[in-house]
């Protein structure tokens, strides 16, 4: 008797993966505007701003954004802490993964 191998399970599941892809995944597109808005309201954004603003100021920004129902970006720009372009640069995937040339700054 042969034992079931992981590759056997994978091969037997391939038709199901194809059907799942065709019926549920193909054609899905990200709503970039909604994703950006959700990100701007996320507390995780403040972590990326700590090197630029400092911990205390970043915490104040988060608290104000939550209290007033604003985005982190709105508070940062309103308070004159960063220009909008620099805010987006600071929270970019390249900056937060330290892959940009300025180390997130």
PDB file of N, CA and C in Angstrom:
ATOM      1  N   UNK A   1       0.839  -1.185   0.000  1.00  0.00           N
ATOM      2  CA  UNK A   1       0.000   0.000   0.000  1.00  0.00           C
ATOM      3  C   UNK A   1       0.884   1.248   0.000  1.00  0.00           C
ATOM      4  N   UNK A   2       0.582   2.159  -0.891  1.00  0.00           N
ATOM      5  CA  UNK A   2       1.344   3.389  -1.013  1.00  0.00           C
ATOM      6  C   UNK A   2       0.704   4.468  -0.150  1.00  0.00           C
ATOM      7  N   UNK A   3       1.538   5.184   0.586  1.00  0.00           N
ATOM      8  CA  UNK A   3       1.037   6.277   1.407  1.00  0.00           C
ATOM      9  C   UNK A   3       0.785   7.504   0.533  1.00  0.00           C
ATOM     10  N   UNK A   4      -0.190   8.287   0.912  1.00  0.00           N
ATOM     11  CA  UNK A   4      -0.518   9.516   0.186  1.00  0.00           C
ATOM     12  C   UNK A   4       0.595  10.533   0.416  1.00  0.00           C
ATOM     13  N   UNK A   5       1.128  11.041  -0.648  1.00  0.00           N
ATOM     14  CA  UNK A   5       2.208  12.009  -0.590  1.00  0.00           C
ATOM     15  C   UNK A   5       1.644  13.424  -0.754  1.00  0.00           C
ATOM     16  N   UNK A   6       2.305  14.426  -0.178  1.00  0.00           N
ATOM     17  CA  UNK A   6       1.819  15.810  -0.319  1.00  0.00           C
ATOM     18  C   UNK A   6       1.648  16.233  -1.770  1.00  0.00           C
ATOM     19  N   UNK A   7       2.575  15.806  -2.637  1.00  0.00           N
ATOM     20  CA  UNK A   7       2.447  16.197  -4.043  1.00  0.00           C
ATOM     21  C   UNK A   7       1.215  15.574  -4.696  1.00  0.00           C
ATOM     22  N   UNK A   8       0.806  14.391  -4.211  1.00  0.00           N
ATOM     23  CA  UNK A   8      -0.414  13.766  -4.727  1.00  0.00           C
ATOM     24  C   UNK A   8      -1.635  14.611  -4.365  1.00  0.00           C
ATOM     25  N   UNK A   9      -1.654  15.099  -3.153  1.00  0.00           N
ATOM     26  CA  UNK A   9      -2.762  15.951  -2.718  1.00  0.00           C
ATOM     27  C   UNK A   9      -2.813  17.231  -3.537  1.00  0.00           C
ATOM     28  N   UNK A  10      -1.666  17.810  -3.773  1.00  0.00           N
ATOM     29  CA  UNK A  10      -1.605  19.044  -4.547  1.00  0.00           C
ATOM     30  C   UNK A  10      -2.099  18.811  -5.971  1.00  0.00           C
ATOM     31  N   UNK A  11      -1.602  17.758  -6.586  1.00  0.00           N
ATOM     32  CA  UNK A  11      -1.999  17.452  -7.967  1.00  0.00           C
ATOM     33  C   UNK A  11      -3.494  17.183  -8.055  1.00  0.00           C
ATOM     34  N   UNK A  12      -4.042  16.483  -7.081  1.00  0.00           N
ATOM     35  CA  UNK A  12      -5.480  16.194  -7.119  1.00  0.00           C
ATOM     36  C   UNK A  12      -6.323  17.438  -6.871  1.00  0.00           C
ATOM     37  N   UNK A  13      -5.738  18.461  -6.241  1.00  0.00           N
ATOM     38  CA  UNK A  13      -6.476  19.699  -5.960  1.00  0.00           C
ATOM     39  C   UNK A  13      -6.393  20.711  -7.093  1.00  0.00           C
ATOM     40  N   UNK A  14      -5.529  20.496  -8.069  1.00  0.00           N
ATOM     41  CA  UNK A  14      -5.347  21.461  -9.154  1.00  0.00           C
ATOM     42  C   UNK A  14      -6.646  21.830  -9.875  1.00  0.00           C
ATOM     43  N   UNK A  15      -7.509  20.883 -10.207  1.00  0.00           N
ATOM     44  CA  UNK A  15      -8.763  21.280 -10.865  1.00  0.00           C
ATOM     45  C   UNK A  15      -9.614  22.207  -9.985  1.00  0.00           C
ATOM     46  N   UNK A  16      -9.624  21.963  -8.689  1.00  0.00           N
ATOM     47  CA  UNK A  16     -10.388  22.820  -7.778  1.00  0.00           C
ATOM     48  C   UNK A  16      -9.793  24.222  -7.733  1.00  0.00           C
ATOM     49  N   UNK A  17      -8.447  24.313  -7.740  1.00  0.00           N
ATOM     50  CA  UNK A  17      -7.795  25.618  -7.754  1.00  0.00           C
ATOM     51  C   UNK A  17      -8.145  26.382  -9.028  1.00  0.00           C
ATOM     52  N   UNK A  18      -8.183  25.677 -10.166  1.00  0.00           N
ATOM     53  CA  UNK A  18      -8.518  26.309 -11.439  1.00  0.00           C
ATOM     54  C   UNK A  18      -9.936  26.857 -11.392  1.00  0.00           C
ATOM     55  N   UNK A  19     -10.870  26.067 -10.871  1.00  0.00           N
ATOM     56  CA  UNK A  19     -12.266  26.506 -10.779  1.00  0.00           C
ATOM     57  C   UNK A  19     -12.383  27.694  -9.831  1.00  0.00           C
ATOM     58  N   UNK A  20     -11.720  27.626  -8.698  1.00  0.00           N
ATOM     59  CA  UNK A  20     -11.732  28.742  -7.739  1.00  0.00           C
ATOM     60  C   UNK A  20     -11.219  30.013  -8.403  1.00  0.00           C
ATOM     61  N   UNK A  21     -10.104  29.883  -9.123  1.00  0.00           N
ATOM     62  CA  UNK A  21      -9.542  31.049  -9.805  1.00  0.00           C
ATOM     63  C   UNK A  21     -10.519  31.609 -10.822  1.00  0.00           C
ATOM     64  N   UNK A  22     -11.089  30.749 -11.646  1.00  0.00           N
ATOM     65  CA  UNK A  22     -11.981  31.200 -12.710  1.00  0.00           C
ATOM     66  C   UNK A  22     -13.264  31.836 -12.170  1.00  0.00           C
ATOM     67  N   UNK A  23     -13.821  31.261 -11.114  1.00  0.00           N
ATOM     68  CA  UNK A  23     -15.106  31.743 -10.602  1.00  0.00           C
ATOM     69  C   UNK A  23     -14.993  32.844  -9.558  1.00  0.00           C
ATOM     70  N   UNK A  24     -13.862  32.891  -8.851  1.00  0.00           N
ATOM     71  CA  UNK A  24     -13.778  33.814  -7.710  1.00  0.00           C
ATOM     72  C   UNK A  24     -12.646  34.832  -7.771  1.00  0.00           C
ATOM     73  N   UNK A  25     -11.631  34.582  -8.545  1.00  0.00           N
ATOM     74  CA  UNK A  25     -10.457  35.453  -8.503  1.00  0.00           C
ATOM     75  C   UNK A  25     -10.279  36.257  -9.789  1.00  0.00           C
ATOM     76  N   UNK A  26     -10.416  35.598 -10.928  1.00  0.00           N
ATOM     77  CA  UNK A  26     -10.234  36.293 -12.207  1.00  0.00           C
ATOM     78  C   UNK A  26     -11.156  37.508 -12.275  1.00  0.00           C
ATOM     79  N   UNK A  27     -10.599  38.617 -12.669  1.00  0.00           N
ATOM     80  CA  UNK A  27     -11.393  39.836 -12.834  1.00  0.00           C
ATOM     81  C   UNK A  27     -11.434  40.729 -11.614  1.00  0.00           C
ATOM     82  N   UNK A  28     -10.938  40.260 -10.490  1.00  0.00           N
ATOM     83  CA  UNK A  28     -10.928  41.105  -9.291  1.00  0.00           C
ATOM     84  C   UNK A  28      -9.905  42.218  -9.478  1.00  0.00           C
ATOM     85  N   UNK A  29     -10.300  43.430  -9.187  1.00  0.00           N
ATOM     86  CA  UNK A  29      -9.389  44.570  -9.236  1.00  0.00           C
ATOM     87  C   UNK A  29      -9.481  45.320  -7.920  1.00  0.00           C
ATOM     88  N   UNK A  30      -8.346  45.790  -7.458  1.00  0.00           N
ATOM     89  CA  UNK A  30      -8.315  46.568  -6.220  1.00  0.00           C
ATOM     90  C   UNK A  30      -8.920  47.943  -6.461  1.00  0.00           C
ATOM     91  N   UNK A  31      -9.671  48.414  -5.507  1.00  0.00           N
ATOM     92  CA  UNK A  31     -10.187  49.780  -5.537  1.00  0.00           C
ATOM     93  C   UNK A  31      -9.117  50.640  -4.862  1.00  0.00           C
ATOM     94  N   UNK A  32      -8.217  51.186  -5.679  1.00  0.00           N
ATOM     95  CA  UNK A  32      -7.055  51.895  -5.144  1.00  0.00           C
ATOM     96  C   UNK A  32      -7.430  53.074  -4.257  1.00  0.00           C
ATOM     97  N   UNK A  33      -8.471  53.798  -4.632  1.00  0.00           N
ATOM     98  CA  UNK A  33      -8.885  54.951  -3.829  1.00  0.00           C
ATOM     99  C   UNK A  33      -9.349  54.496  -2.442  1.00  0.00           C
ATOM    100  N   UNK A  34     -10.142  53.443  -2.396  1.00  0.00           N
ATOM    101  CA  UNK A  34     -10.615  52.923  -1.107  1.00  0.00           C
ATOM    102  C   UNK A  34      -9.450  52.385  -0.278  1.00  0.00           C
ATOM    103  N   UNK A  35      -8.533  51.671  -0.926  1.00  0.00           N
ATOM    104  CA  UNK A  35      -7.367  51.147  -0.208  1.00  0.00           C
ATOM    105  C   UNK A  35      -6.556  52.282   0.394  1.00  0.00           C
ATOM    106  N   UNK A  36      -6.358  53.359  -0.368  1.00  0.00           N
ATOM    107  CA  UNK A  36      -5.597  54.513   0.124  1.00  0.00           C
ATOM    108  C   UNK A  36      -6.300  55.142   1.323  1.00  0.00           C
ATOM    109  N   UNK A  37      -7.630  55.299   1.227  1.00  0.00           N
ATOM    110  CA  UNK A  37      -8.378  55.900   2.334  1.00  0.00           C
ATOM    111  C   UNK A  37      -8.299  55.041   3.591  1.00  0.00           C
ATOM    112  N   UNK A  38      -8.415  53.728   3.431  1.00  0.00           N
ATOM    113  CA  UNK A  38      -8.317  52.834   4.591  1.00  0.00           C
ATOM    114  C   UNK A  38      -6.922  52.902   5.204  1.00  0.00           C
ATOM    115  N   UNK A  39      -5.911  52.943   4.359  1.00  0.00           N
ATOM    116  CA  UNK A  39      -4.548  53.032   4.866  1.00  0.00           C
ATOM    117  C   UNK A  39      -4.333  54.326   5.635  1.00  0.00           C
ATOM    118  N   UNK A  40      -4.836  55.423   5.108  1.00  0.00           N
ATOM    119  CA  UNK A  40      -4.647  56.720   5.761  1.00  0.00           C
ATOM    120  C   UNK A  40      -5.334  56.792   7.124  1.00  0.00           C
ATOM    121  N   UNK A  41      -6.307  55.944   7.356  1.00  0.00           N
ATOM    122  CA  UNK A  41      -6.992  55.919   8.649  1.00  0.00           C
ATOM    123  C   UNK A  41      -6.403  54.876   9.598  1.00  0.00           C
ATOM    124  N   UNK A  42      -5.487  54.096   9.112  1.00  0.00           N
ATOM    125  CA  UNK A  42      -4.924  53.003   9.896  1.00  0.00           C
ATOM    126  C   UNK A  42      -3.834  53.492  10.851  1.00  0.00           C
ATOM    127  N   UNK A  43      -3.903  53.001  12.071  1.00  0.00           N
ATOM    128  CA  UNK A  43      -2.893  53.371  13.073  1.00  0.00           C
ATOM    129  C   UNK A  43      -1.508  52.894  12.671  1.00  0.00           C
ATOM    130  N   UNK A  44      -1.421  51.891  11.827  1.00  0.00           N
ATOM    131  CA  UNK A  44      -0.113  51.375  11.421  1.00  0.00           C
ATOM    132  C   UNK A  44       0.691  52.429  10.660  1.00  0.00           C
ATOM    133  N   UNK A  45       0.015  53.371  10.011  1.00  0.00           N
ATOM    134  CA  UNK A  45       0.702  54.433   9.277  1.00  0.00           C
ATOM    135  C   UNK A  45       1.574  55.257  10.216  1.00  0.00           C
ATOM    136  N   UNK A  46       1.122  55.448  11.429  1.00  0.00           N
ATOM    137  CA  UNK A  46       1.872  56.258  12.394  1.00  0.00           C
ATOM    138  C   UNK A  46       3.248  55.657  12.655  1.00  0.00           C
ATOM    139  N   UNK A  47       3.349  54.333  12.628  1.00  0.00           N
ATOM    140  CA  UNK A  47       4.637  53.680  12.845  1.00  0.00           C
ATOM    141  C   UNK A  47       5.662  54.136  11.817  1.00  0.00           C
ATOM    142  N   UNK A  48       5.227  54.276  10.572  1.00  0.00           N
ATOM    143  CA  UNK A  48       6.137  54.714   9.516  1.00  0.00           C
ATOM    144  C   UNK A  48       6.556  56.169   9.691  1.00  0.00           C
ATOM    145  N   UNK A  49       5.762  56.936  10.425  1.00  0.00           N
ATOM    146  CA  UNK A  49       6.057  58.356  10.608  1.00  0.00           C
ATOM    147  C   UNK A  49       6.944  58.644  11.822  1.00  0.00           C
ATOM    148  N   UNK A  50       7.107  57.681  12.697  1.00  0.00           N
ATOM    149  CA  UNK A  50       7.890  57.892  13.921  1.00  0.00           C
ATOM    150  C   UNK A  50       9.305  58.385  13.634  1.00  0.00           C
ATOM    151  N   UNK A  51      10.027  57.828  12.652  1.00  0.00           N
ATOM    152  CA  UNK A  51      11.383  58.352  12.396  1.00  0.00           C
ATOM    153  C   UNK A  51      11.392  59.826  11.987  1.00  0.00           C
ATOM    154  N   UNK A  52      10.308  60.291  11.385  1.00  0.00           N
ATOM    155  CA  UNK A  52      10.250  61.686  10.942  1.00  0.00           C
ATOM    156  C   UNK A  52       9.661  62.619  11.994  1.00  0.00           C
ATOM    157  N   UNK A  53       8.679  62.134  12.742  1.00  0.00           N
ATOM    158  CA  UNK A  53       7.959  62.999  13.689  1.00  0.00           C
ATOM    159  C   UNK A  53       8.372  62.794  15.138  1.00  0.00           C
ATOM    160  N   UNK A  54       8.926  61.653  15.435  1.00  0.00           N
ATOM    161  CA  UNK A  54       9.181  61.290  16.820  1.00  0.00           C
ATOM    162  C   UNK A  54       7.968  60.589  17.405  1.00  0.00           C
ATOM    163  N   UNK A  55       8.211  59.780  18.426  1.00  0.00           N
ATOM    164  CA  UNK A  55       7.146  58.962  18.998  1.00  0.00           C
ATOM    165  C   UNK A  55       6.014  59.807  19.583  1.00  0.00           C
ATOM    166  N   UNK A  56       6.356  60.807  20.364  1.00  0.00           N
ATOM    167  CA  UNK A  56       5.327  61.613  21.041  1.00  0.00           C
ATOM    168  C   UNK A  56       4.421  62.338  20.047  1.00  0.00           C
ATOM    169  N   UNK A  57       5.025  62.986  19.046  1.00  0.00           N
ATOM    170  CA  UNK A  57       4.239  63.730  18.058  1.00  0.00           C
ATOM    171  C   UNK A  57       3.387  62.770  17.233  1.00  0.00           C
ATOM    172  N   UNK A  58       3.952  61.617  16.876  1.00  0.00           N
ATOM    173  CA  UNK A  58       3.190  60.626  16.106  1.00  0.00           C
ATOM    174  C   UNK A  58       1.985  60.130  16.914  1.00  0.00           C
ATOM    175  N   UNK A  59       2.181  59.929  18.217  1.00  0.00           N
ATOM    176  CA  UNK A  59       1.076  59.500  19.081  1.00  0.00           C
ATOM    177  C   UNK A  59       0.001  60.588  19.162  1.00  0.00           C
ATOM    178  N   UNK A  60       0.421  61.855  19.233  1.00  0.00           N
ATOM    179  CA  UNK A  60      -0.542  62.966  19.250  1.00  0.00           C
ATOM    180  C   UNK A  60      -1.346  63.007  17.953  1.00  0.00           C
ATOM    181  N   UNK A  61      -0.669  62.780  16.824  1.00  0.00           N
ATOM    182  CA  UNK A  61      -1.338  62.780  15.521  1.00  0.00           C
ATOM    183  C   UNK A  61      -2.402  61.690  15.491  1.00  0.00           C
ATOM    184  N   UNK A  62      -2.040  60.491  15.930  1.00  0.00           N
ATOM    185  CA  UNK A  62      -2.985  59.378  15.934  1.00  0.00           C
ATOM    186  C   UNK A  62      -4.192  59.685  16.815  1.00  0.00           C
ATOM    187  N   UNK A  63      -3.931  60.207  18.000  1.00  0.00           N
ATOM    188  CA  UNK A  63      -5.025  60.522  18.918  1.00  0.00           C
ATOM    189  C   UNK A  63      -5.965  61.568  18.317  1.00  0.00           C
ATOM    190  N   UNK A  64      -5.407  62.611  17.716  1.00  0.00           N
ATOM    191  CA  UNK A  64      -6.228  63.662  17.108  1.00  0.00           C
ATOM    192  C   UNK A  64      -7.032  63.107  15.932  1.00  0.00           C
ATOM    193  N   UNK A  65      -6.401  62.290  15.108  1.00  0.00           N
ATOM    194  CA  UNK A  65      -7.096  61.718  13.953  1.00  0.00           C
ATOM    195  C   UNK A  65      -8.268  60.860  14.414  1.00  0.00           C
ATOM    196  N   UNK A  66      -8.053  60.049  15.427  1.00  0.00           N
ATOM    197  CA  UNK A  66      -9.129  59.190  15.940  1.00  0.00           C
ATOM    198  C   UNK A  66     -10.225  60.013  16.597  1.00  0.00           C
ATOM    199  N   UNK A  67      -9.844  61.026  17.358  1.00  0.00           N
ATOM    200  CA  UNK A  67     -10.815  61.865  18.063  1.00  0.00           C
ATOM    201  C   UNK A  67     -11.689  62.654  17.100  1.00  0.00           C
ATOM    202  N   UNK A  68     -11.074  63.189  16.045  1.00  0.00           N
ATOM    203  CA  UNK A  68     -11.796  64.054  15.115  1.00  0.00           C
ATOM    204  C   UNK A  68     -12.311  63.327  13.875  1.00  0.00           C
ATOM    205  N   UNK A  69     -12.064  62.025  13.788  1.00  0.00           N
ATOM    206  CA  UNK A  69     -12.529  61.270  12.628  1.00  0.00           C
ATOM    207  C   UNK A  69     -11.816  61.645  11.345  1.00  0.00           C
ATOM    208  N   UNK A  70     -10.571  62.057  11.470  1.00  0.00           N
ATOM    209  CA  UNK A  70      -9.779  62.451  10.303  1.00  0.00           C
ATOM    210  C   UNK A  70      -8.770  61.367   9.974  1.00  0.00           C
ATOM    211  N   UNK A  71      -8.174  61.503   8.789  1.00  0.00           N
ATOM    212  CA  UNK A  71      -7.104  60.581   8.439  1.00  0.00           C
ATOM    213  C   UNK A  71      -5.798  61.069   9.067  1.00  0.00           C
ATOM    214  N   UNK A  72      -4.855  60.153   9.165  1.00  0.00           N
ATOM    215  CA  UNK A  72      -3.528  60.512   9.664  1.00  0.00           C
ATOM    216  C   UNK A  72      -2.936  61.587   8.752  1.00  0.00           C
ATOM    217  N   UNK A  73      -3.098  61.407   7.443  1.00  0.00           N
ATOM    218  CA  UNK A  73      -2.573  62.382   6.480  1.00  0.00           C
ATOM    219  C   UNK A  73      -3.157  63.762   6.716  1.00  0.00           C
ATOM    220  N   UNK A  74      -4.465  63.832   6.914  1.00  0.00           N
ATOM    221  CA  UNK A  74      -5.101  65.139   7.130  1.00  0.00           C
ATOM    222  C   UNK A  74      -4.492  65.858   8.323  1.00  0.00           C
ATOM    223  N   UNK A  75      -4.304  65.153   9.414  1.00  0.00           N
ATOM    224  CA  UNK A  75      -3.752  65.790  10.620  1.00  0.00           C
ATOM    225  C   UNK A  75      -2.303  66.201  10.393  1.00  0.00           C
ATOM    226  N   UNK A  76      -1.515  65.315   9.809  1.00  0.00           N
ATOM    227  CA  UNK A  76      -0.102  65.618   9.569  1.00  0.00           C
ATOM    228  C   UNK A  76       0.044  66.859   8.697  1.00  0.00           C
ATOM    229  N   UNK A  77      -0.747  66.942   7.636  1.00  0.00           N
ATOM    230  CA  UNK A  77      -0.658  68.078   6.719  1.00  0.00           C
ATOM    231  C   UNK A  77      -1.226  69.338   7.366  1.00  0.00           C
ATOM    232  N   UNK A  78      -2.382  69.233   8.053  1.00  0.00           N
ATOM    233  CA  UNK A  78      -2.985  70.394   8.725  1.00  0.00           C
ATOM    234  C   UNK A  78      -2.049  70.989   9.759  1.00  0.00           C
ATOM    235  N   UNK A  79      -1.350  70.157  10.498  1.00  0.00           N
ATOM    236  CA  UNK A  79      -0.435  70.640  11.523  1.00  0.00           C
ATOM    237  C   UNK A  79       0.885  71.126  10.928  1.00  0.00           C
ATOM    238  N   UNK A  80       1.052  70.971   9.628  1.00  0.00           N
ATOM    239  CA  UNK A  80       2.284  71.417   8.976  1.00  0.00           C
ATOM    240  C   UNK A  80       3.491  70.564   9.318  1.00  0.00           C
ATOM    241  N   UNK A  81       3.261  69.320   9.696  1.00  0.00           N
ATOM    242  CA  UNK A  81       4.375  68.451  10.079  1.00  0.00           C
ATOM    243  C   UNK A  81       5.127  67.916   8.870  1.00  0.00           C
ATOM    244  N   UNK A  82       4.395  67.638   7.797  1.00  0.00           N
ATOM    245  CA  UNK A  82       4.987  67.163   6.547  1.00  0.00           C
ATOM    246  C   UNK A  82       4.127  67.644   5.394  1.00  0.00           C
ATOM    247  N   UNK A  83       4.744  67.941   4.263  1.00  0.00           N
ATOM    248  CA  UNK A  83       3.938  68.185   3.070  1.00  0.00           C
ATOM    249  C   UNK A  83       3.309  66.848   2.626  1.00  0.00           C
ATOM    250  N   UNK A  84       2.212  66.932   1.917  1.00  0.00           N
ATOM    251  CA  UNK A  84       1.502  65.717   1.510  1.00  0.00           C
ATOM    252  C   UNK A  84       2.407  64.755   0.743  1.00  0.00           C
ATOM    253  N   UNK A  85       3.211  65.268  -0.160  1.00  0.00           N
ATOM    254  CA  UNK A  85       4.096  64.401  -0.954  1.00  0.00           C
ATOM    255  C   UNK A  85       5.077  63.647  -0.054  1.00  0.00           C
ATOM    256  N   UNK A  86       5.604  64.328   0.956  1.00  0.00           N
ATOM    257  CA  UNK A  86       6.540  63.664   1.866  1.00  0.00           C
ATOM    258  C   UNK A  86       5.827  62.630   2.736  1.00  0.00           C
ATOM    259  N   UNK A  87       4.586  62.915   3.109  1.00  0.00           N
ATOM    260  CA  UNK A  87       3.788  61.938   3.854  1.00  0.00           C
ATOM    261  C   UNK A  87       3.676  60.648   3.050  1.00  0.00           C
ATOM    262  N   UNK A  88       3.278  60.772   1.785  1.00  0.00           N
ATOM    263  CA  UNK A  88       3.115  59.578   0.948  1.00  0.00           C
ATOM    264  C   UNK A  88       4.447  58.872   0.722  1.00  0.00           C
ATOM    265  N   UNK A  89       5.519  59.618   0.595  1.00  0.00           N
ATOM    266  CA  UNK A  89       6.840  59.005   0.456  1.00  0.00           C
ATOM    267  C   UNK A  89       7.186  58.211   1.717  1.00  0.00           C
ATOM    268  N   UNK A  90       6.872  58.780   2.883  1.00  0.00           N
ATOM    269  CA  UNK A  90       7.215  58.134   4.156  1.00  0.00           C
ATOM    270  C   UNK A  90       6.447  56.840   4.393  1.00  0.00           C
ATOM    271  N   UNK A  91       5.227  56.745   3.854  1.00  0.00           N
ATOM    272  CA  UNK A  91       4.432  55.532   4.086  1.00  0.00           C
ATOM    273  C   UNK A  91       4.478  54.574   2.896  1.00  0.00           C
ATOM    274  N   UNK A  92       5.304  54.892   1.904  1.00  0.00           N
ATOM    275  CA  UNK A  92       5.406  54.018   0.734  1.00  0.00           C
ATOM    276  C   UNK A  92       6.012  52.673   1.129  1.00  0.00           C
ATOM    277  N   UNK A  93       5.700  51.624   0.381  1.00  0.00           N
ATOM    278  CA  UNK A  93       6.298  50.313   0.677  1.00  0.00           C
ATOM    279  C   UNK A  93       7.824  50.349   0.657  1.00  0.00           C
ATOM    280  N   UNK A  94       8.394  51.140  -0.247  1.00  0.00           N
ATOM    281  CA  UNK A  94       9.856  51.233  -0.323  1.00  0.00           C
ATOM    282  C   UNK A  94      10.431  51.850   0.943  1.00  0.00           C
ATOM    283  N   UNK A  95       9.776  52.891   1.439  1.00  0.00           N
ATOM    284  CA  UNK A  95      10.278  53.562   2.641  1.00  0.00           C
ATOM    285  C   UNK A  95      10.148  52.686   3.872  1.00  0.00           C
ATOM    286  N   UNK A  96       8.995  52.059   4.050  1.00  0.00           N
ATOM    287  CA  UNK A  96       8.802  51.271   5.270  1.00  0.00           C
ATOM    288  C   UNK A  96       9.601  49.981   5.262  1.00  0.00           C
ATOM    289  N   UNK A  97      10.062  49.564   4.092  1.00  0.00           N
ATOM    290  CA  UNK A  97      10.917  48.379   4.034  1.00  0.00           C
ATOM    291  C   UNK A  97      12.388  48.769   3.885  1.00  0.00           C
ATOM    292  N   UNK A  98      12.669  50.065   4.042  1.00  0.00           N
ATOM    293  CA  UNK A  98      14.031  50.605   3.951  1.00  0.00           C
ATOM    294  C   UNK A  98      14.699  50.287   2.626  1.00  0.00           C
ATOM    295  N   UNK A  99      13.909  50.298   1.547  1.00  0.00           N
ATOM    296  CA  UNK A  99      14.478  50.024   0.232  1.00  0.00           C
ATOM    297  C   UNK A  99      14.662  51.307  -0.579  1.00  0.00           C
ATOM    298  N   UNK A 100      14.235  52.430  -0.036  1.00  0.00           N
ATOM    299  CA  UNK A 100      14.452  53.671  -0.781  1.00  0.00           C
ATOM    300  C   UNK A 100      15.849  54.205  -0.457  1.00  0.00           C
ATOM    301  N   UNK A 101      16.298  55.146  -1.244  1.00  0.00           N
ATOM    302  CA  UNK A 101      17.670  55.636  -1.094  1.00  0.00           C
ATOM    303  C   UNK A 101      17.857  56.500   0.142  1.00  0.00           C
ATOM    304  N   UNK A 102      16.765  56.984   0.726  1.00  0.00           N
ATOM    305  CA  UNK A 102      16.896  57.866   1.886  1.00  0.00           C
ATOM    306  C   UNK A 102      16.488  57.179   3.183  1.00  0.00           C
ATOM    307  N   UNK A 103      16.250  55.860   3.144  1.00  0.00           N
ATOM    308  CA  UNK A 103      15.909  55.138   4.372  1.00  0.00           C
ATOM    309  C   UNK A 103      14.595  55.551   4.964  1.00  0.00           C
ATOM    310  N   UNK A 104      13.617  55.927   4.114  1.00  0.00           N
ATOM    311  CA  UNK A 104      12.314  56.283   4.616  1.00  0.00           C
ATOM    312  C   UNK A 104      12.164  57.745   4.940  1.00  0.00           C
ATOM    313  N   UNK A 105      13.157  58.552   4.652  1.00  0.00           N
ATOM    314  CA  UNK A 105      13.095  59.972   4.976  1.00  0.00           C
ATOM    315  C   UNK A 105      13.079  60.804   3.733  1.00  0.00           C
TER     316      UNK A 105
END
